[in-house]
Amino acid sequence: MIPVVAGSNPVGHPNLSPPAAFRAVAEAALAQIETNARGALLSEDPESLHQLRVGLDLRLHPQPLCFLARALGFAAQEFYASLRQHGGTDALRGRMLDFQGLNRLIGTPELLAAGRRYDA
C-alpha cells in the first residue's frame, strides 16, 4: 500500500490505478478517524480532536476532489464536443458506465463490506 500522509499524493502514483488510489486515500482517512475518534471523545487533549479532523477533512477533501476535477474536466470536453456534433449521447454510450459498472469500478461493494465492521 502507498502511504497517505500530509503532502503525499497517491492519486498520481504510477503504480496505482484510479480506483486503487481512491481506495488508498479512503482507507488512510478511515484509519486516521478510527485511531483518533476515541481520544477525541474521551480526552480533553485537543490533539486527538485535531487529528480526527485531519482524517475527516484533509484526507477526504482535497486529493480525491482534485483528481476527480481533472478527470471530469477532460471527459466533459469530449462529452460536450460529441453532444454538439451528434445531438445526443448515443455516440458515447459504449464508453459510459451504468451505475452498477461505476460502483464496481470504484469498489463500492468492497467499501460497504469494510464499513459494516462499524455496524452496532
PDB file of N, CA and C in Angstrom:
ATOM      1  N   MET A   1       0.836  -1.174   0.000  1.00  0.00           N
ATOM      2  CA  MET A   1       0.000   0.000   0.000  1.00  0.00           C
ATOM      3  C   MET A   1       0.885   1.242   0.000  1.00  0.00           C
ATOM      4  N   ILE A   2       0.442   2.264  -0.698  1.00  0.00           N
ATOM      5  CA  ILE A   2       1.160   3.534  -0.753  1.00  0.00           C
ATOM      6  C   ILE A   2       0.758   4.346   0.474  1.00  0.00           C
ATOM      7  N   PRO A   3       1.713   4.825   1.284  1.00  0.00           N
ATOM      8  CA  PRO A   3       1.338   5.600   2.466  1.00  0.00           C
ATOM      9  C   PRO A   3       0.684   6.916   2.067  1.00  0.00           C
ATOM     10  N   VAL A   4      -0.360   7.272   2.800  1.00  0.00           N
ATOM     11  CA  VAL A   4      -1.049   8.533   2.560  1.00  0.00           C
ATOM     12  C   VAL A   4      -0.809   9.399   3.785  1.00  0.00           C
ATOM     13  N   VAL A   5       0.078  10.355   3.643  1.00  0.00           N
ATOM     14  CA  VAL A   5       0.413  11.267   4.736  1.00  0.00           C
ATOM     15  C   VAL A   5       0.348  12.685   4.191  1.00  0.00           C
ATOM     16  N   ALA A   6       0.400  13.652   5.094  1.00  0.00           N
ATOM     17  CA  ALA A   6       0.326  15.048   4.684  1.00  0.00           C
ATOM     18  C   ALA A   6       1.349  15.323   3.586  1.00  0.00           C
ATOM     19  N   GLY A   7       0.903  15.941   2.531  1.00  0.00           N
ATOM     20  CA  GLY A   7       1.785  16.291   1.425  1.00  0.00           C
ATOM     21  C   GLY A   7       1.953  15.198   0.390  1.00  0.00           C
ATOM     22  N   SER A   8       1.500  13.978   0.660  1.00  0.00           N
ATOM     23  CA  SER A   8       1.637  12.913  -0.329  1.00  0.00           C
ATOM     24  C   SER A   8       0.444  12.949  -1.277  1.00  0.00           C
ATOM     25  N   ASN A   9       0.601  12.325  -2.416  1.00  0.00           N
ATOM     26  CA  ASN A   9      -0.476  12.301  -3.392  1.00  0.00           C
ATOM     27  C   ASN A   9      -0.519  10.932  -4.048  1.00  0.00           C
ATOM     28  N   PRO A  10      -1.261   9.981  -3.455  1.00  0.00           N
ATOM     29  CA  PRO A  10      -1.323   8.646  -4.043  1.00  0.00           C
ATOM     30  C   PRO A  10      -2.022   8.634  -5.385  1.00  0.00           C
ATOM     31  N   VAL A  11      -2.826   9.661  -5.673  1.00  0.00           N
ATOM     32  CA  VAL A  11      -3.560   9.694  -6.926  1.00  0.00           C
ATOM     33  C   VAL A  11      -2.612   9.721  -8.114  1.00  0.00           C
ATOM     34  N   GLY A  12      -1.477  10.395  -7.974  1.00  0.00           N
ATOM     35  CA  GLY A  12      -0.532  10.478  -9.071  1.00  0.00           C
ATOM     36  C   GLY A  12       0.521   9.389  -9.064  1.00  0.00           C
ATOM     37  N   HIS A  13       0.427   8.444  -8.147  1.00  0.00           N
ATOM     38  CA  HIS A  13       1.438   7.401  -8.038  1.00  0.00           C
ATOM     39  C   HIS A  13       1.359   6.479  -9.256  1.00  0.00           C
ATOM     40  N   PRO A  14       2.490   6.204  -9.905  1.00  0.00           N
ATOM     41  CA  PRO A  14       2.462   5.429 -11.151  1.00  0.00           C
ATOM     42  C   PRO A  14       2.024   3.977 -10.987  1.00  0.00           C
ATOM     43  N   ASN A  15       2.085   3.423  -9.784  1.00  0.00           N
ATOM     44  CA  ASN A  15       1.717   2.023  -9.591  1.00  0.00           C
ATOM     45  C   ASN A  15       0.264   1.836  -9.182  1.00  0.00           C
ATOM     46  N   LEU A  16      -0.518   2.916  -9.122  1.00  0.00           N
ATOM     47  CA  LEU A  16      -1.906   2.803  -8.678  1.00  0.00           C
ATOM     48  C   LEU A  16      -2.871   3.186  -9.785  1.00  0.00           C
ATOM     49  N   SER A  17      -3.881   2.347  -9.971  1.00  0.00           N
ATOM     50  CA  SER A  17      -4.979   2.711 -10.854  1.00  0.00           C
ATOM     51  C   SER A  17      -5.835   3.752 -10.134  1.00  0.00           C
ATOM     52  N   PRO A  18      -6.687   4.489 -10.826  1.00  0.00           N
ATOM     53  CA  PRO A  18      -7.545   5.459 -10.137  1.00  0.00           C
ATOM     54  C   PRO A  18      -8.380   4.845  -9.007  1.00  0.00           C
ATOM     55  N   PRO A  19      -9.020   3.667  -9.209  1.00  0.00           N
ATOM     56  CA  PRO A  19      -9.763   3.097  -8.080  1.00  0.00           C
ATOM     57  C   PRO A  19      -8.860   2.742  -6.900  1.00  0.00           C
ATOM     58  N   ALA A  20      -7.661   2.239  -7.184  1.00  0.00           N
ATOM     59  CA  ALA A  20      -6.739   1.888  -6.094  1.00  0.00           C
ATOM     60  C   ALA A  20      -6.260   3.142  -5.364  1.00  0.00           C
ATOM     61  N   ALA A  21      -6.037   4.230  -6.103  1.00  0.00           N
ATOM     62  CA  ALA A  21      -5.632   5.484  -5.464  1.00  0.00           C
ATOM     63  C   ALA A  21      -6.744   6.016  -4.577  1.00  0.00           C
ATOM     64  N   PHE A  22      -7.977   5.980  -5.081  1.00  0.00           N
ATOM     65  CA  PHE A  22      -9.109   6.439  -4.278  1.00  0.00           C
ATOM     66  C   PHE A  22      -9.254   5.578  -3.027  1.00  0.00           C
ATOM     67  N   ARG A  23      -9.101   4.272  -3.205  1.00  0.00           N
ATOM     68  CA  ARG A  23      -9.212   3.351  -2.073  1.00  0.00           C
ATOM     69  C   ARG A  23      -8.115   3.623  -1.047  1.00  0.00           C
ATOM     70  N   ALA A  24      -6.888   3.915  -1.511  1.00  0.00           N
ATOM     71  CA  ALA A  24      -5.782   4.213  -0.594  1.00  0.00           C
ATOM     72  C   ALA A  24      -6.085   5.451   0.236  1.00  0.00           C
ATOM     73  N   VAL A  25      -6.641   6.481  -0.391  1.00  0.00           N
ATOM     74  CA  VAL A  25      -6.994   7.701   0.334  1.00  0.00           C
ATOM     75  C   VAL A  25      -8.111   7.412   1.334  1.00  0.00           C
ATOM     76  N   ALA A  26      -9.149   6.672   0.901  1.00  0.00           N
ATOM     77  CA  ALA A  26     -10.274   6.369   1.792  1.00  0.00           C
ATOM     78  C   ALA A  26      -9.828   5.511   2.977  1.00  0.00           C
ATOM     79  N   GLU A  27      -8.994   4.503   2.729  1.00  0.00           N
ATOM     80  CA  GLU A  27      -8.521   3.646   3.816  1.00  0.00           C
ATOM     81  C   GLU A  27      -7.661   4.427   4.805  1.00  0.00           C
ATOM     82  N   ALA A  28      -6.818   5.322   4.294  1.00  0.00           N
ATOM     83  CA  ALA A  28      -5.986   6.132   5.181  1.00  0.00           C
ATOM     84  C   ALA A  28      -6.855   7.068   6.020  1.00  0.00           C
ATOM     85  N   ALA A  29      -7.889   7.638   5.405  1.00  0.00           N
ATOM     86  CA  ALA A  29      -8.785   8.524   6.151  1.00  0.00           C
ATOM     87  C   ALA A  29      -9.514   7.750   7.244  1.00  0.00           C
ATOM     88  N   LEU A  30     -10.022   6.564   6.911  1.00  0.00           N
ATOM     89  CA  LEU A  30     -10.719   5.757   7.919  1.00  0.00           C
ATOM     90  C   LEU A  30      -9.783   5.354   9.051  1.00  0.00           C
ATOM     91  N   ALA A  31      -8.542   5.009   8.716  1.00  0.00           N
ATOM     92  CA  ALA A  31      -7.576   4.648   9.762  1.00  0.00           C
ATOM     93  C   ALA A  31      -7.294   5.841  10.668  1.00  0.00           C
ATOM     94  N   GLN A  32      -7.151   7.025  10.080  1.00  0.00           N
ATOM     95  CA  GLN A  32      -6.907   8.244  10.857  1.00  0.00           C
ATOM     96  C   GLN A  32      -8.096   8.536  11.779  1.00  0.00           C
ATOM     97  N   ILE A  33      -9.290   8.371  11.251  1.00  0.00           N
ATOM     98  CA  ILE A  33     -10.508   8.622  12.036  1.00  0.00           C
ATOM     99  C   ILE A  33     -10.627   7.607  13.159  1.00  0.00           C
ATOM    100  N   GLU A  34     -10.463   6.329  12.807  1.00  0.00           N
ATOM    101  CA  GLU A  34     -10.597   5.258  13.802  1.00  0.00           C
ATOM    102  C   GLU A  34      -9.573   5.412  14.933  1.00  0.00           C
ATOM    103  N   THR A  35      -8.353   5.765  14.586  1.00  0.00           N
ATOM    104  CA  THR A  35      -7.296   5.915  15.584  1.00  0.00           C
ATOM    105  C   THR A  35      -7.576   7.044  16.566  1.00  0.00           C
ATOM    106  N   ASN A  36      -8.206   8.104  16.104  1.00  0.00           N
ATOM    107  CA  ASN A  36      -8.339   9.302  16.926  1.00  0.00           C
ATOM    108  C   ASN A  36      -9.740   9.567  17.462  1.00  0.00           C
ATOM    109  N   ALA A  37     -10.740   8.816  17.023  1.00  0.00           N
ATOM    110  CA  ALA A  37     -12.114   9.077  17.463  1.00  0.00           C
ATOM    111  C   ALA A  37     -12.275   8.879  18.971  1.00  0.00           C
ATOM    112  N   ARG A  38     -11.743   7.808  19.498  1.00  0.00           N
ATOM    113  CA  ARG A  38     -11.887   7.529  20.936  1.00  0.00           C
ATOM    114  C   ARG A  38     -11.234   8.632  21.777  1.00  0.00           C
ATOM    115  N   GLY A  39     -10.027   9.041  21.399  1.00  0.00           N
ATOM    116  CA  GLY A  39      -9.349  10.105  22.131  1.00  0.00           C
ATOM    117  C   GLY A  39     -10.110  11.420  22.053  1.00  0.00           C
ATOM    118  N   ALA A  40     -10.710  11.697  20.894  1.00  0.00           N
ATOM    119  CA  ALA A  40     -11.473  12.936  20.746  1.00  0.00           C
ATOM    120  C   ALA A  40     -12.709  12.935  21.633  1.00  0.00           C
ATOM    121  N   LEU A  41     -13.292  11.766  21.831  1.00  0.00           N
ATOM    122  CA  LEU A  41     -14.492  11.669  22.665  1.00  0.00           C
ATOM    123  C   LEU A  41     -14.181  11.635  24.155  1.00  0.00           C
ATOM    124  N   LEU A  42     -13.085  11.000  24.534  1.00  0.00           N
ATOM    125  CA  LEU A  42     -12.822  10.740  25.949  1.00  0.00           C
ATOM    126  C   LEU A  42     -11.752  11.632  26.568  1.00  0.00           C
ATOM    127  N   SER A  43     -11.005  12.337  25.758  1.00  0.00           N
ATOM    128  CA  SER A  43      -9.881  13.101  26.285  1.00  0.00           C
ATOM    129  C   SER A  43     -10.143  14.597  26.149  1.00  0.00           C
ATOM    130  N   GLU A  44      -9.493  15.348  26.995  1.00  0.00           N
ATOM    131  CA  GLU A  44      -9.563  16.799  26.861  1.00  0.00           C
ATOM    132  C   GLU A  44      -8.369  17.338  26.090  1.00  0.00           C
ATOM    133  N   ASP A  45      -7.486  16.453  25.656  1.00  0.00           N
ATOM    134  CA  ASP A  45      -6.327  16.844  24.856  1.00  0.00           C
ATOM    135  C   ASP A  45      -6.814  17.219  23.454  1.00  0.00           C
ATOM    136  N   PRO A  46      -6.576  18.434  23.008  1.00  0.00           N
ATOM    137  CA  PRO A  46      -7.084  18.857  21.700  1.00  0.00           C
ATOM    138  C   PRO A  46      -6.410  18.162  20.518  1.00  0.00           C
ATOM    139  N   GLU A  47      -5.278  17.503  20.742  1.00  0.00           N
ATOM    140  CA  GLU A  47      -4.575  16.862  19.629  1.00  0.00           C
ATOM    141  C   GLU A  47      -5.399  15.749  18.998  1.00  0.00           C
ATOM    142  N   SER A  48      -6.106  14.965  19.808  1.00  0.00           N
ATOM    143  CA  SER A  48      -6.934  13.892  19.246  1.00  0.00           C
ATOM    144  C   SER A  48      -8.034  14.466  18.370  1.00  0.00           C
ATOM    145  N   LEU A  49      -8.650  15.536  18.824  1.00  0.00           N
ATOM    146  CA  LEU A  49      -9.695  16.175  18.027  1.00  0.00           C
ATOM    147  C   LEU A  49      -9.112  16.729  16.726  1.00  0.00           C
ATOM    148  N   HIS A  50      -7.936  17.331  16.831  1.00  0.00           N
ATOM    149  CA  HIS A  50      -7.277  17.854  15.632  1.00  0.00           C
ATOM    150  C   HIS A  50      -6.986  16.723  14.640  1.00  0.00           C
ATOM    151  N   GLN A  51      -6.440  15.617  15.128  1.00  0.00           N
ATOM    152  CA  GLN A  51      -6.103  14.505  14.242  1.00  0.00           C
ATOM    153  C   GLN A  51      -7.353  13.853  13.651  1.00  0.00           C
ATOM    154  N   LEU A  52      -8.443  13.846  14.395  1.00  0.00           N
ATOM    155  CA  LEU A  52      -9.716  13.351  13.863  1.00  0.00           C
ATOM    156  C   LEU A  52     -10.153  14.241  12.700  1.00  0.00           C
ATOM    157  N   ARG A  53     -10.041  15.545  12.883  1.00  0.00           N
ATOM    158  CA  ARG A  53     -10.397  16.480  11.825  1.00  0.00           C
ATOM    159  C   ARG A  53      -9.504  16.302  10.594  1.00  0.00           C
ATOM    160  N   VAL A  54      -8.237  16.006  10.815  1.00  0.00           N
ATOM    161  CA  VAL A  54      -7.330  15.745   9.698  1.00  0.00           C
ATOM    162  C   VAL A  54      -7.859  14.564   8.876  1.00  0.00           C
ATOM    163  N   GLY A  55      -8.291  13.520   9.566  1.00  0.00           N
ATOM    164  CA  GLY A  55      -8.833  12.365   8.864  1.00  0.00           C
ATOM    165  C   GLY A  55     -10.090  12.691   8.087  1.00  0.00           C
ATOM    166  N   LEU A  56     -10.930  13.528   8.662  1.00  0.00           N
ATOM    167  CA  LEU A  56     -12.184  13.881   8.005  1.00  0.00           C
ATOM    168  C   LEU A  56     -11.994  14.895   6.884  1.00  0.00           C
ATOM    169  N   ASP A  57     -11.129  15.849   7.087  1.00  0.00           N
ATOM    170  CA  ASP A  57     -11.027  16.973   6.155  1.00  0.00           C
ATOM    171  C   ASP A  57      -9.905  16.802   5.145  1.00  0.00           C
ATOM    172  N   LEU A  58      -8.685  16.788   5.614  1.00  0.00           N
ATOM    173  CA  LEU A  58      -7.561  16.821   4.698  1.00  0.00           C
ATOM    174  C   LEU A  58      -7.444  15.578   3.836  1.00  0.00           C
ATOM    175  N   ARG A  59      -7.752  14.432   4.380  1.00  0.00           N
ATOM    176  CA  ARG A  59      -7.599  13.197   3.598  1.00  0.00           C
ATOM    177  C   ARG A  59      -8.769  12.974   2.655  1.00  0.00           C
ATOM    178  N   LEU A  60      -9.968  13.369   3.070  1.00  0.00           N
ATOM    179  CA  LEU A  60     -11.129  13.093   2.235  1.00  0.00           C
ATOM    180  C   LEU A  60     -11.444  14.227   1.266  1.00  0.00           C
ATOM    181  N   HIS A  61     -10.938  15.411   1.519  1.00  0.00           N
ATOM    182  CA  HIS A  61     -11.363  16.541   0.718  1.00  0.00           C
ATOM    183  C   HIS A  61     -10.469  16.837  -0.487  1.00  0.00           C
ATOM    184  N   PRO A  62      -9.238  17.309  -0.327  1.00  0.00           N
ATOM    185  CA  PRO A  62      -8.527  17.808  -1.495  1.00  0.00           C
ATOM    186  C   PRO A  62      -8.074  16.765  -2.508  1.00  0.00           C
ATOM    187  N   GLN A  63      -7.504  15.675  -2.066  1.00  0.00           N
ATOM    188  CA  GLN A  63      -6.907  14.754  -3.033  1.00  0.00           C
ATOM    189  C   GLN A  63      -7.937  14.127  -3.969  1.00  0.00           C
ATOM    190  N   PRO A  64      -8.990  13.491  -3.440  1.00  0.00           N
ATOM    191  CA  PRO A  64      -9.958  12.913  -4.373  1.00  0.00           C
ATOM    192  C   PRO A  64     -10.656  13.963  -5.222  1.00  0.00           C
ATOM    193  N   LEU A  65     -10.924  15.138  -4.653  1.00  0.00           N
ATOM    194  CA  LEU A  65     -11.625  16.161  -5.428  1.00  0.00           C
ATOM    195  C   LEU A  65     -10.748  16.723  -6.536  1.00  0.00           C
ATOM    196  N   CYS A  66      -9.462  16.914  -6.270  1.00  0.00           N
ATOM    197  CA  CYS A  66      -8.552  17.393  -7.316  1.00  0.00           C
ATOM    198  C   CYS A  66      -8.450  16.370  -8.435  1.00  0.00           C
ATOM    199  N   PHE A  67      -8.308  15.110  -8.055  1.00  0.00           N
ATOM    200  CA  PHE A  67      -8.228  14.040  -9.047  1.00  0.00           C
ATOM    201  C   PHE A  67      -9.511  13.995  -9.868  1.00  0.00           C
ATOM    202  N   LEU A  68     -10.639  14.040  -9.202  1.00  0.00           N
ATOM    203  CA  LEU A  68     -11.927  13.966  -9.880  1.00  0.00           C
ATOM    204  C   LEU A  68     -12.124  15.159 -10.804  1.00  0.00           C
ATOM    205  N   ALA A  69     -11.774  16.362 -10.344  1.00  0.00           N
ATOM    206  CA  ALA A  69     -11.938  17.561 -11.166  1.00  0.00           C
ATOM    207  C   ALA A  69     -11.105  17.474 -12.442  1.00  0.00           C
ATOM    208  N   ARG A  70      -9.874  16.977 -12.318  1.00  0.00           N
ATOM    209  CA  ARG A  70      -9.022  16.858 -13.501  1.00  0.00           C
ATOM    210  C   ARG A  70      -9.595  15.850 -14.487  1.00  0.00           C
ATOM    211  N   ALA A  71     -10.009  14.711 -13.986  1.00  0.00           N
ATOM    212  CA  ALA A  71     -10.551  13.671 -14.862  1.00  0.00           C
ATOM    213  C   ALA A  71     -11.872  14.109 -15.486  1.00  0.00           C
ATOM    214  N   LEU A  72     -12.733  14.717 -14.683  1.00  0.00           N
ATOM    215  CA  LEU A  72     -14.030  15.151 -15.202  1.00  0.00           C
ATOM    216  C   LEU A  72     -13.887  16.280 -16.215  1.00  0.00           C
ATOM    217  N   GLY A  73     -12.935  17.176 -15.987  1.00  0.00           N
ATOM    218  CA  GLY A  73     -12.720  18.260 -16.944  1.00  0.00           C
ATOM    219  C   GLY A  73     -12.380  17.732 -18.323  1.00  0.00           C
ATOM    220  N   PHE A  74     -11.494  16.754 -18.366  1.00  0.00           N
ATOM    221  CA  PHE A  74     -11.108  16.155 -19.639  1.00  0.00           C
ATOM    222  C   PHE A  74     -12.295  15.430 -20.272  1.00  0.00           C
ATOM    223  N   ALA A  75     -12.989  14.627 -19.488  1.00  0.00           N
ATOM    224  CA  ALA A  75     -14.135  13.875 -20.009  1.00  0.00           C
ATOM    225  C   ALA A  75     -15.255  14.805 -20.448  1.00  0.00           C
ATOM    226  N   ALA A  76     -15.467  15.901 -19.715  1.00  0.00           N
ATOM    227  CA  ALA A  76     -16.537  16.840 -20.062  1.00  0.00           C
ATOM    228  C   ALA A  76     -16.272  17.491 -21.413  1.00  0.00           C
ATOM    229  N   GLN A  77     -15.028  17.833 -21.696  1.00  0.00           N
ATOM    230  CA  GLN A  77     -14.713  18.423 -23.002  1.00  0.00           C
ATOM    231  C   GLN A  77     -15.092  17.476 -24.126  1.00  0.00           C
ATOM    232  N   GLU A  78     -14.720  16.227 -23.986  1.00  0.00           N
ATOM    233  CA  GLU A  78     -15.041  15.230 -25.011  1.00  0.00           C
ATOM    234  C   GLU A  78     -16.551  14.998 -25.100  1.00  0.00           C
ATOM    235  N   PHE A  79     -17.196  14.924 -23.952  1.00  0.00           N
ATOM    236  CA  PHE A  79     -18.637  14.681 -23.907  1.00  0.00           C
ATOM    237  C   PHE A  79     -19.395  15.808 -24.611  1.00  0.00           C
ATOM    238  N   TYR A  80     -19.083  17.064 -24.262  1.00  0.00           N
ATOM    239  CA  TYR A  80     -19.810  18.185 -24.854  1.00  0.00           C
ATOM    240  C   TYR A  80     -19.513  18.342 -26.341  1.00  0.00           C
ATOM    241  N   ALA A  81     -18.290  18.039 -26.764  1.00  0.00           N
ATOM    242  CA  ALA A  81     -17.974  18.084 -28.198  1.00  0.00           C
ATOM    243  C   ALA A  81     -18.808  17.047 -28.945  1.00  0.00           C
ATOM    244  N   SER A  82     -18.916  15.847 -28.386  1.00  0.00           N
ATOM    245  CA  SER A  82     -19.717  14.808 -29.017  1.00  0.00           C
ATOM    246  C   SER A  82     -21.202  15.171 -29.002  1.00  0.00           C
ATOM    247  N   LEU A  83     -21.646  15.766 -27.912  1.00  0.00           N
ATOM    248  CA  LEU A  83     -23.048  16.190 -27.801  1.00  0.00           C
ATOM    249  C   LEU A  83     -23.375  17.230 -28.875  1.00  0.00           C
ATOM    250  N   ARG A  84     -22.469  18.197 -29.064  1.00  0.00           N
ATOM    251  CA  ARG A  84     -22.688  19.206 -30.111  1.00  0.00           C
ATOM    252  C   ARG A  84     -22.703  18.564 -31.493  1.00  0.00           C
ATOM    253  N   GLN A  85     -21.771  17.644 -31.723  1.00  0.00           N
ATOM    254  CA  GLN A  85     -21.647  17.044 -33.042  1.00  0.00           C
ATOM    255  C   GLN A  85     -22.802  16.103 -33.366  1.00  0.00           C
ATOM    256  N   HIS A  86     -23.207  15.277 -32.375  1.00  0.00           N
ATOM    257  CA  HIS A  86     -24.199  14.233 -32.643  1.00  0.00           C
ATOM    258  C   HIS A  86     -25.588  14.550 -32.102  1.00  0.00           C
ATOM    259  N   GLY A  87     -25.698  15.569 -31.274  1.00  0.00           N
ATOM    260  CA  GLY A  87     -27.008  15.950 -30.742  1.00  0.00           C
ATOM    261  C   GLY A  87     -27.530  15.045 -29.644  1.00  0.00           C
ATOM    262  N   GLY A  88     -26.710  14.162 -29.108  1.00  0.00           N
ATOM    263  CA  GLY A  88     -27.130  13.259 -28.030  1.00  0.00           C
ATOM    264  C   GLY A  88     -25.952  12.464 -27.504  1.00  0.00           C
ATOM    265  N   THR A  89     -26.243  11.497 -26.652  1.00  0.00           N
ATOM    266  CA  THR A  89     -25.178  10.713 -26.013  1.00  0.00           C
ATOM    267  C   THR A  89     -24.939   9.350 -26.664  1.00  0.00           C
ATOM    268  N   ASP A  90     -25.700   9.022 -27.695  1.00  0.00           N
ATOM    269  CA  ASP A  90     -25.583   7.690 -28.296  1.00  0.00           C
ATOM    270  C   ASP A  90     -24.169   7.379 -28.789  1.00  0.00           C
ATOM    271  N   ALA A  91     -23.461   8.375 -29.302  1.00  0.00           N
ATOM    272  CA  ALA A  91     -22.109   8.134 -29.827  1.00  0.00           C
ATOM    273  C   ALA A  91     -21.134   7.696 -28.733  1.00  0.00           C
ATOM    274  N   LEU A  92     -21.397   8.070 -27.486  1.00  0.00           N
ATOM    275  CA  LEU A  92     -20.500   7.720 -26.382  1.00  0.00           C
ATOM    276  C   LEU A  92     -21.061   6.620 -25.477  1.00  0.00           C
ATOM    277  N   ARG A  93     -22.245   6.141 -25.775  1.00  0.00           N
ATOM    278  CA  ARG A  93     -22.903   5.193 -24.877  1.00  0.00           C
ATOM    279  C   ARG A  93     -22.040   3.960 -24.574  1.00  0.00           C
ATOM    280  N   GLY A  94     -21.321   3.467 -25.539  1.00  0.00           N
ATOM    281  CA  GLY A  94     -20.468   2.304 -25.319  1.00  0.00           C
ATOM    282  C   GLY A  94     -19.274   2.589 -24.416  1.00  0.00           C
ATOM    283  N   ARG A  95     -18.963   3.861 -24.204  1.00  0.00           N
ATOM    284  CA  ARG A  95     -17.840   4.243 -23.352  1.00  0.00           C
ATOM    285  C   ARG A  95     -18.299   4.768 -21.999  1.00  0.00           C
ATOM    286  N   MET A  96     -19.593   4.732 -21.736  1.00  0.00           N
ATOM    287  CA  MET A  96     -20.114   5.240 -20.457  1.00  0.00           C
ATOM    288  C   MET A  96     -20.523   4.060 -19.582  1.00  0.00           C
ATOM    289  N   LEU A  97     -20.356   4.213 -18.269  1.00  0.00           N
ATOM    290  CA  LEU A  97     -20.747   3.174 -17.319  1.00  0.00           C
ATOM    291  C   LEU A  97     -22.162   3.427 -16.815  1.00  0.00           C
ATOM    292  N   ASP A  98     -22.885   2.335 -16.567  1.00  0.00           N
ATOM    293  CA  ASP A  98     -24.131   2.486 -15.818  1.00  0.00           C
ATOM    294  C   ASP A  98     -23.747   2.524 -14.335  1.00  0.00           C
ATOM    295  N   PHE A  99     -24.721   2.696 -13.446  1.00  0.00           N
ATOM    296  CA  PHE A  99     -24.384   2.838 -12.027  1.00  0.00           C
ATOM    297  C   PHE A  99     -23.762   1.562 -11.449  1.00  0.00           C
ATOM    298  N   GLN A 100     -24.200   0.401 -11.896  1.00  0.00           N
ATOM    299  CA  GLN A 100     -23.591  -0.835 -11.403  1.00  0.00           C
ATOM    300  C   GLN A 100     -22.128  -0.922 -11.829  1.00  0.00           C
ATOM    301  N   GLY A 101     -21.851  -0.566 -13.068  1.00  0.00           N
ATOM    302  CA  GLY A 101     -20.478  -0.579 -13.550  1.00  0.00           C
ATOM    303  C   GLY A 101     -19.612   0.433 -12.821  1.00  0.00           C
ATOM    304  N   LEU A 102     -20.169   1.599 -12.558  1.00  0.00           N
ATOM    305  CA  LEU A 102     -19.429   2.622 -11.816  1.00  0.00           C
ATOM    306  C   LEU A 102     -19.115   2.146 -10.398  1.00  0.00           C
ATOM    307  N   ASN A 103     -20.091   1.550  -9.736  1.00  0.00           N
ATOM    308  CA  ASN A 103     -19.868   1.038  -8.381  1.00  0.00           C
ATOM    309  C   ASN A 103     -18.805  -0.058  -8.361  1.00  0.00           C
ATOM    310  N   ARG A 104     -18.827  -0.935  -9.351  1.00  0.00           N
ATOM    311  CA  ARG A 104     -17.784  -1.971  -9.433  1.00  0.00           C
ATOM    312  C   ARG A 104     -16.417  -1.338  -9.654  1.00  0.00           C
ATOM    313  N   LEU A 105     -16.358  -0.332 -10.508  1.00  0.00           N
ATOM    314  CA  LEU A 105     -15.092   0.315 -10.828  1.00  0.00           C
ATOM    315  C   LEU A 105     -14.435   0.933  -9.602  1.00  0.00           C
ATOM    316  N   ILE A 106     -15.198   1.630  -8.793  1.00  0.00           N
ATOM    317  CA  ILE A 106     -14.604   2.316  -7.638  1.00  0.00           C
ATOM    318  C   ILE A 106     -14.601   1.459  -6.383  1.00  0.00           C
ATOM    319  N   GLY A 107     -15.104   0.227  -6.483  1.00  0.00           N
ATOM    320  CA  GLY A 107     -15.027  -0.688  -5.349  1.00  0.00           C
ATOM    321  C   GLY A 107     -16.079  -0.465  -4.276  1.00  0.00           C
ATOM    322  N   THR A 108     -17.238   0.046  -4.657  1.00  0.00           N
ATOM    323  CA  THR A 108     -18.290   0.314  -3.674  1.00  0.00           C
ATOM    324  C   THR A 108     -18.678  -0.932  -2.876  1.00  0.00           C
ATOM    325  N   PRO A 109     -18.889  -2.094  -3.500  1.00  0.00           N
ATOM    326  CA  PRO A 109     -19.259  -3.269  -2.688  1.00  0.00           C
ATOM    327  C   PRO A 109     -18.213  -3.596  -1.623  1.00  0.00           C
ATOM    328  N   GLU A 110     -16.926  -3.490  -1.973  1.00  0.00           N
ATOM    329  CA  GLU A 110     -15.873  -3.780  -1.003  1.00  0.00           C
ATOM    330  C   GLU A 110     -15.826  -2.724   0.103  1.00  0.00           C
ATOM    331  N   LEU A 111     -16.006  -1.457  -0.263  1.00  0.00           N
ATOM    332  CA  LEU A 111     -16.012  -0.393   0.746  1.00  0.00           C
ATOM    333  C   LEU A 111     -17.189  -0.555   1.702  1.00  0.00           C
ATOM    334  N   LEU A 112     -18.353  -0.915   1.169  1.00  0.00           N
ATOM    335  CA  LEU A 112     -19.521  -1.144   2.028  1.00  0.00           C
ATOM    336  C   LEU A 112     -19.281  -2.328   2.966  1.00  0.00           C
ATOM    337  N   ALA A 113     -18.682  -3.376   2.434  1.00  0.00           N
ATOM    338  CA  ALA A 113     -18.383  -4.543   3.273  1.00  0.00           C
ATOM    339  C   ALA A 113     -17.407  -4.170   4.393  1.00  0.00           C
ATOM    340  N   ALA A 114     -16.385  -3.399   4.057  1.00  0.00           N
ATOM    341  CA  ALA A 114     -15.428  -2.963   5.064  1.00  0.00           C
ATOM    342  C   ALA A 114     -16.099  -2.072   6.107  1.00  0.00           C
ATOM    343  N   GLY A 115     -17.041  -1.242   5.682  1.00  0.00           N
ATOM    344  CA  GLY A 115     -17.748  -0.347   6.589  1.00  0.00           C
ATOM    345  C   GLY A 115     -18.690  -1.055   7.544  1.00  0.00           C
ATOM    346  N   ARG A 116     -19.114  -2.257   7.181  1.00  0.00           N
ATOM    347  CA  ARG A 116     -20.036  -2.999   8.055  1.00  0.00           C
ATOM    348  C   ARG A 116     -19.422  -3.362   9.390  1.00  0.00           C
ATOM    349  N   ARG A 117     -18.105  -3.316   9.472  1.00  0.00           N
ATOM    350  CA  ARG A 117     -17.459  -3.618  10.757  1.00  0.00           C
ATOM    351  C   ARG A 117     -17.803  -2.567  11.802  1.00  0.00           C
ATOM    352  N   TYR A 118     -18.317  -1.413  11.380  1.00  0.00           N
ATOM    353  CA  TYR A 118     -18.696  -0.370  12.326  1.00  0.00           C
ATOM    354  C   TYR A 118     -20.164  -0.456  12.732  1.00  0.00           C
ATOM    355  N   ASP A 119     -20.925  -1.370  12.103  1.00  0.00           N
ATOM    356  CA  ASP A 119     -22.328  -1.545  12.481  1.00  0.00           C
ATOM    357  C   ASP A 119     -22.423  -2.026  13.931  1.00  0.00           C
ATOM    358  N   ALA A 120     -23.384  -1.504  14.629  1.00  0.00           N
ATOM    359  CA  ALA A 120     -23.549  -1.904  16.025  1.00  0.00           C
ATOM    360  C   ALA A 120     -24.563  -3.012  16.161  1.00  0.00           C
TER     361      ALA A 120
END
